[in-house]
């Protein structure tokens, strides 16, 4: 029998607690650069740096 988990929260925080190749599926909706009031990036470079960190972690935790 499979166990299923739904993780909801800050991806930088949640992903750092997962082991390599720990999950089968990731569904995400990355924010657009400064398209909303909650945007936190001053420059496109800062935004791209954050997205790179997050997607490297997603890649790390996904099973092959």
PDB file of N, CA and C in Angstrom:
ATOM      1  N   UNK A   1       0.839  -1.180   0.000  1.00  0.00           N
ATOM      2  CA  UNK A   1       0.000   0.000   0.000  1.00  0.00           C
ATOM      3  C   UNK A   1       0.882   1.240   0.000  1.00  0.00           C
ATOM      4  N   UNK A   2       0.559   2.182  -0.843  1.00  0.00           N
ATOM      5  CA  UNK A   2       1.342   3.416  -0.968  1.00  0.00           C
ATOM      6  C   UNK A   2       0.911   4.441   0.067  1.00  0.00           C
ATOM      7  N   UNK A   3       1.841   5.254   0.459  1.00  0.00           N
ATOM      8  CA  UNK A   3       1.555   6.380   1.324  1.00  0.00           C
ATOM      9  C   UNK A   3       1.681   7.648   0.492  1.00  0.00           C
ATOM     10  N   UNK A   4       0.719   8.508   0.598  1.00  0.00           N
ATOM     11  CA  UNK A   4       0.731   9.760  -0.152  1.00  0.00           C
ATOM     12  C   UNK A   4       0.812  10.937   0.810  1.00  0.00           C
ATOM     13  N   UNK A   5       1.577  11.934   0.431  1.00  0.00           N
ATOM     14  CA  UNK A   5       1.726  13.141   1.226  1.00  0.00           C
ATOM     15  C   UNK A   5       1.491  14.343   0.337  1.00  0.00           C
ATOM     16  N   UNK A   6       0.876  15.348   0.868  1.00  0.00           N
ATOM     17  CA  UNK A   6       0.727  16.631   0.204  1.00  0.00           C
ATOM     18  C   UNK A   6       1.468  17.642   1.058  1.00  0.00           C
ATOM     19  N   UNK A   7       2.507  18.224   0.490  1.00  0.00           N
ATOM     20  CA  UNK A   7       3.293  19.223   1.211  1.00  0.00           C
ATOM     21  C   UNK A   7       2.932  20.593   0.670  1.00  0.00           C
ATOM     22  N   UNK A   8       2.616  21.489   1.555  1.00  0.00           N
ATOM     23  CA  UNK A   8       2.215  22.840   1.156  1.00  0.00           C
ATOM     24  C   UNK A   8       3.015  23.825   1.988  1.00  0.00           C
ATOM     25  N   UNK A   9       3.701  24.730   1.327  1.00  0.00           N
ATOM     26  CA  UNK A   9       4.479  25.716   2.069  1.00  0.00           C
ATOM     27  C   UNK A   9       5.573  26.302   1.216  1.00  0.00           C
ATOM     28  N   UNK A  10       6.524  26.911   1.848  1.00  0.00           N
ATOM     29  CA  UNK A  10       7.649  27.548   1.179  1.00  0.00           C
ATOM     30  C   UNK A  10       8.560  26.464   0.605  1.00  0.00           C
ATOM     31  N   UNK A  11       8.695  26.434  -0.700  1.00  0.00           N
ATOM     32  CA  UNK A  11       9.464  25.367  -1.350  1.00  0.00           C
ATOM     33  C   UNK A  11      10.924  25.345  -0.912  1.00  0.00           C
ATOM     34  N   UNK A  12      11.523  26.489  -0.688  1.00  0.00           N
ATOM     35  CA  UNK A  12      12.927  26.508  -0.234  1.00  0.00           C
ATOM     36  C   UNK A  12      13.071  25.782   1.097  1.00  0.00           C
ATOM     37  N   UNK A  13      12.127  25.969   1.966  1.00  0.00           N
ATOM     38  CA  UNK A  13      12.181  25.330   3.280  1.00  0.00           C
ATOM     39  C   UNK A  13      11.821  23.848   3.184  1.00  0.00           C
ATOM     40  N   UNK A  14      10.728  23.524   2.534  1.00  0.00           N
ATOM     41  CA  UNK A  14      10.264  22.133   2.480  1.00  0.00           C
ATOM     42  C   UNK A  14      11.229  21.213   1.747  1.00  0.00           C
ATOM     43  N   UNK A  15      11.722  21.644   0.603  1.00  0.00           N
ATOM     44  CA  UNK A  15      12.600  20.786  -0.196  1.00  0.00           C
ATOM     45  C   UNK A  15      13.901  20.455   0.525  1.00  0.00           C
ATOM     46  N   UNK A  16      14.388  21.368   1.311  1.00  0.00           N
ATOM     47  CA  UNK A  16      15.664  21.145   1.999  1.00  0.00           C
ATOM     48  C   UNK A  16      15.575  20.007   3.013  1.00  0.00           C
ATOM     49  N   UNK A  17      14.377  19.635   3.419  1.00  0.00           N
ATOM     50  CA  UNK A  17      14.192  18.565   4.406  1.00  0.00           C
ATOM     51  C   UNK A  17      13.959  17.198   3.769  1.00  0.00           C
ATOM     52  N   UNK A  18      13.908  17.131   2.445  1.00  0.00           N
ATOM     53  CA  UNK A  18      13.673  15.865   1.757  1.00  0.00           C
ATOM     54  C   UNK A  18      14.984  15.229   1.307  1.00  0.00           C
ATOM     55  N   UNK A  19      15.006  13.908   1.313  1.00  0.00           N
ATOM     56  CA  UNK A  19      16.179  13.161   0.856  1.00  0.00           C
ATOM     57  C   UNK A  19      16.258  13.188  -0.666  1.00  0.00           C
ATOM     58  N   UNK A  20      17.436  12.877  -1.191  1.00  0.00           N
ATOM     59  CA  UNK A  20      17.604  12.746  -2.636  1.00  0.00           C
ATOM     60  C   UNK A  20      16.630  11.697  -3.163  1.00  0.00           C
ATOM     61  N   UNK A  21      16.047  11.961  -4.305  1.00  0.00           N
ATOM     62  CA  UNK A  21      15.141  11.044  -4.994  1.00  0.00           C
ATOM     63  C   UNK A  21      14.031  10.522  -4.079  1.00  0.00           C
ATOM     64  N   UNK A  22      13.477  11.401  -3.264  1.00  0.00           N
ATOM     65  CA  UNK A  22      12.475  11.010  -2.274  1.00  0.00           C
ATOM     66  C   UNK A  22      11.044  11.059  -2.793  1.00  0.00           C
ATOM     67  N   UNK A  23      10.800  11.735  -3.897  1.00  0.00           N
ATOM     68  CA  UNK A  23       9.413  11.898  -4.348  1.00  0.00           C
ATOM     69  C   UNK A  23       9.260  11.485  -5.811  1.00  0.00           C
ATOM     70  N   UNK A  24       8.023  11.172  -6.169  1.00  0.00           N
ATOM     71  CA  UNK A  24       7.710  10.733  -7.528  1.00  0.00           C
ATOM     72  C   UNK A  24       7.188  11.858  -8.408  1.00  0.00           C
ATOM     73  N   UNK A  25       6.590  12.867  -7.807  1.00  0.00           N
ATOM     74  CA  UNK A  25       5.904  13.893  -8.590  1.00  0.00           C
ATOM     75  C   UNK A  25       5.992  15.229  -7.884  1.00  0.00           C
ATOM     76  N   UNK A  26       6.174  16.258  -8.668  1.00  0.00           N
ATOM     77  CA  UNK A  26       6.164  17.618  -8.137  1.00  0.00           C
ATOM     78  C   UNK A  26       5.274  18.470  -9.045  1.00  0.00           C
ATOM     79  N   UNK A  27       4.323  19.144  -8.451  1.00  0.00           N
ATOM     80  CA  UNK A  27       3.479  20.091  -9.176  1.00  0.00           C
ATOM     81  C   UNK A  27       3.737  21.455  -8.561  1.00  0.00           C
ATOM     82  N   UNK A  28       4.064  22.403  -9.402  1.00  0.00           N
ATOM     83  CA  UNK A  28       4.403  23.721  -8.891  1.00  0.00           C
ATOM     84  C   UNK A  28       3.828  24.802  -9.792  1.00  0.00           C
ATOM     85  N   UNK A  29       3.706  25.964  -9.246  1.00  0.00           N
ATOM     86  CA  UNK A  29       3.264  27.128 -10.001  1.00  0.00           C
ATOM     87  C   UNK A  29       4.154  28.293  -9.590  1.00  0.00           C
ATOM     88  N   UNK A  30       5.314  28.410 -10.230  1.00  0.00           N
ATOM     89  CA  UNK A  30       6.241  29.468  -9.833  1.00  0.00           C
ATOM     90  C   UNK A  30       5.634  30.847 -10.065  1.00  0.00           C
ATOM     91  N   UNK A  31       5.934  31.778  -9.199  1.00  0.00           N
ATOM     92  CA  UNK A  31       5.413  33.136  -9.378  1.00  0.00           C
ATOM     93  C   UNK A  31       6.070  33.824 -10.576  1.00  0.00           C
ATOM     94  N   UNK A  32       5.319  34.684 -11.214  1.00  0.00           N
ATOM     95  CA  UNK A  32       5.892  35.504 -12.271  1.00  0.00           C
ATOM     96  C   UNK A  32       6.712  36.614 -11.648  1.00  0.00           C
ATOM     97  N   UNK A  33       7.747  37.024 -12.332  1.00  0.00           N
ATOM     98  CA  UNK A  33       8.598  38.108 -11.828  1.00  0.00           C
ATOM     99  C   UNK A  33       7.786  39.392 -11.726  1.00  0.00           C
ATOM    100  N   UNK A  34       7.577  39.862 -10.498  1.00  0.00           N
ATOM    101  CA  UNK A  34       6.923  41.130 -10.177  1.00  0.00           C
ATOM    102  C   UNK A  34       5.585  41.355 -10.863  1.00  0.00           C
ATOM    103  N   UNK A  35       4.844  40.269 -11.110  1.00  0.00           N
ATOM    104  CA  UNK A  35       3.528  40.400 -11.723  1.00  0.00           C
ATOM    105  C   UNK A  35       2.422  40.547 -10.679  1.00  0.00           C
ATOM    106  N   UNK A  36       2.756  40.372  -9.438  1.00  0.00           N
ATOM    107  CA  UNK A  36       1.774  40.459  -8.353  1.00  0.00           C
ATOM    108  C   UNK A  36       2.309  41.373  -7.253  1.00  0.00           C
ATOM    109  N   UNK A  37       1.406  41.786  -6.393  1.00  0.00           N
ATOM    110  CA  UNK A  37       1.800  42.670  -5.287  1.00  0.00           C
ATOM    111  C   UNK A  37       2.753  41.993  -4.305  1.00  0.00           C
ATOM    112  N   UNK A  38       2.692  40.657  -4.215  1.00  0.00           N
ATOM    113  CA  UNK A  38       3.534  39.941  -3.258  1.00  0.00           C
ATOM    114  C   UNK A  38       4.951  39.703  -3.770  1.00  0.00           C
ATOM    115  N   UNK A  39       5.256  40.137  -4.984  1.00  0.00           N
ATOM    116  CA  UNK A  39       6.593  39.909  -5.556  1.00  0.00           C
ATOM    117  C   UNK A  39       7.652  40.469  -4.615  1.00  0.00           C
ATOM    118  N   UNK A  40       8.727  39.737  -4.488  1.00  0.00           N
ATOM    119  CA  UNK A  40       9.765  40.099  -3.522  1.00  0.00           C
ATOM    120  C   UNK A  40      11.106  40.436  -4.159  1.00  0.00           C
ATOM    121  N   UNK A  41      11.184  40.404  -5.471  1.00  0.00           N
ATOM    122  CA  UNK A  41      12.459  40.574  -6.148  1.00  0.00           C
ATOM    123  C   UNK A  41      12.591  41.979  -6.718  1.00  0.00           C
ATOM    124  N   UNK A  42      13.758  42.552  -6.512  1.00  0.00           N
ATOM    125  CA  UNK A  42      14.034  43.891  -7.039  1.00  0.00           C
ATOM    126  C   UNK A  42      14.514  43.836  -8.484  1.00  0.00           C
ATOM    127  N   UNK A  43      15.169  42.723  -8.847  1.00  0.00           N
ATOM    128  CA  UNK A  43      15.710  42.596 -10.201  1.00  0.00           C
ATOM    129  C   UNK A  43      15.392  41.216 -10.762  1.00  0.00           C
ATOM    130  N   UNK A  44      15.444  41.115 -12.075  1.00  0.00           N
ATOM    131  CA  UNK A  44      15.228  39.822 -12.722  1.00  0.00           C
ATOM    132  C   UNK A  44      16.332  38.834 -12.338  1.00  0.00           C
ATOM    133  N   UNK A  45      17.518  39.323 -12.077  1.00  0.00           N
ATOM    134  CA  UNK A  45      18.632  38.462 -11.663  1.00  0.00           C
ATOM    135  C   UNK A  45      18.333  37.803 -10.319  1.00  0.00           C
ATOM    136  N   UNK A  46      17.807  38.559  -9.371  1.00  0.00           N
ATOM    137  CA  UNK A  46      17.438  37.982  -8.075  1.00  0.00           C
ATOM    138  C   UNK A  46      16.361  36.920  -8.248  1.00  0.00           C
ATOM    139  N   UNK A  47      15.384  37.220  -9.078  1.00  0.00           N
ATOM    140  CA  UNK A  47      14.310  36.263  -9.351  1.00  0.00           C
ATOM    141  C   UNK A  47      14.872  34.983  -9.961  1.00  0.00           C
ATOM    142  N   UNK A  48      15.706  35.105 -10.964  1.00  0.00           N
ATOM    143  CA  UNK A  48      16.273  33.928 -11.626  1.00  0.00           C
ATOM    144  C   UNK A  48      17.161  33.124 -10.681  1.00  0.00           C
ATOM    145  N   UNK A  49      17.898  33.785  -9.812  1.00  0.00           N
ATOM    146  CA  UNK A  49      18.710  33.078  -8.821  1.00  0.00           C
ATOM    147  C   UNK A  49      17.832  32.237  -7.898  1.00  0.00           C
ATOM    148  N   UNK A  50      16.741  32.814  -7.414  1.00  0.00           N
ATOM    149  CA  UNK A  50      15.827  32.064  -6.549  1.00  0.00           C
ATOM    150  C   UNK A  50      15.196  30.892  -7.288  1.00  0.00           C
ATOM    151  N   UNK A  51      14.755  31.099  -8.512  1.00  0.00           N
ATOM    152  CA  UNK A  51      14.135  30.020  -9.287  1.00  0.00           C
ATOM    153  C   UNK A  51      15.140  28.901  -9.570  1.00  0.00           C
ATOM    154  N   UNK A  52      16.396  29.256  -9.811  1.00  0.00           N
ATOM    155  CA  UNK A  52      17.444  28.256 -10.052  1.00  0.00           C
ATOM    156  C   UNK A  52      17.655  27.396  -8.812  1.00  0.00           C
ATOM    157  N   UNK A  53      17.709  28.013  -7.655  1.00  0.00           N
ATOM    158  CA  UNK A  53      17.892  27.274  -6.399  1.00  0.00           C
ATOM    159  C   UNK A  53      16.726  26.322  -6.179  1.00  0.00           C
ATOM    160  N   UNK A  54      15.522  26.803  -6.362  1.00  0.00           N
ATOM    161  CA  UNK A  54      14.335  25.975  -6.126  1.00  0.00           C
ATOM    162  C   UNK A  54      14.284  24.802  -7.092  1.00  0.00           C
ATOM    163  N   UNK A  55      14.511  25.053  -8.385  1.00  0.00           N
ATOM    164  CA  UNK A  55      14.392  23.960  -9.344  1.00  0.00           C
ATOM    165  C   UNK A  55      15.548  22.977  -9.271  1.00  0.00           C
ATOM    166  N   UNK A  56      16.696  23.386  -8.780  1.00  0.00           N
ATOM    167  CA  UNK A  56      17.769  22.419  -8.505  1.00  0.00           C
ATOM    168  C   UNK A  56      17.351  21.478  -7.382  1.00  0.00           C
ATOM    169  N   UNK A  57      16.688  22.030  -6.378  1.00  0.00           N
ATOM    170  CA  UNK A  57      16.202  21.200  -5.274  1.00  0.00           C
ATOM    171  C   UNK A  57      15.098  20.264  -5.746  1.00  0.00           C
ATOM    172  N   UNK A  58      14.199  20.744  -6.585  1.00  0.00           N
ATOM    173  CA  UNK A  58      13.151  19.882  -7.138  1.00  0.00           C
ATOM    174  C   UNK A  58      13.796  18.725  -7.902  1.00  0.00           C
ATOM    175  N   UNK A  59      14.768  19.024  -8.722  1.00  0.00           N
ATOM    176  CA  UNK A  59      15.461  17.992  -9.482  1.00  0.00           C
ATOM    177  C   UNK A  59      16.129  16.977  -8.555  1.00  0.00           C
ATOM    178  N   UNK A  60      16.735  17.462  -7.478  1.00  0.00           N
ATOM    179  CA  UNK A  60      17.437  16.600  -6.527  1.00  0.00           C
ATOM    180  C   UNK A  60      16.486  15.621  -5.851  1.00  0.00           C
ATOM    181  N   UNK A  61      15.308  16.069  -5.473  1.00  0.00           N
ATOM    182  CA  UNK A  61      14.408  15.219  -4.694  1.00  0.00           C
ATOM    183  C   UNK A  61      13.540  14.305  -5.560  1.00  0.00           C
ATOM    184  N   UNK A  62      13.451  14.573  -6.863  1.00  0.00           N
ATOM    185  CA  UNK A  62      12.657  13.715  -7.744  1.00  0.00           C
ATOM    186  C   UNK A  62      13.379  12.420  -8.058  1.00  0.00           C
ATOM    187  N   UNK A  63      12.620  11.330  -8.025  1.00  0.00           N
ATOM    188  CA  UNK A  63      13.190  10.043  -8.423  1.00  0.00           C
ATOM    189  C   UNK A  63      13.389  10.025  -9.929  1.00  0.00           C
ATOM    190  N   UNK A  64      14.374   9.208 -10.373  1.00  0.00           N
ATOM    191  CA  UNK A  64      14.629   9.066 -11.802  1.00  0.00           C
ATOM    192  C   UNK A  64      13.466   8.366 -12.476  1.00  0.00           C
TER     193      UNK A  64
END
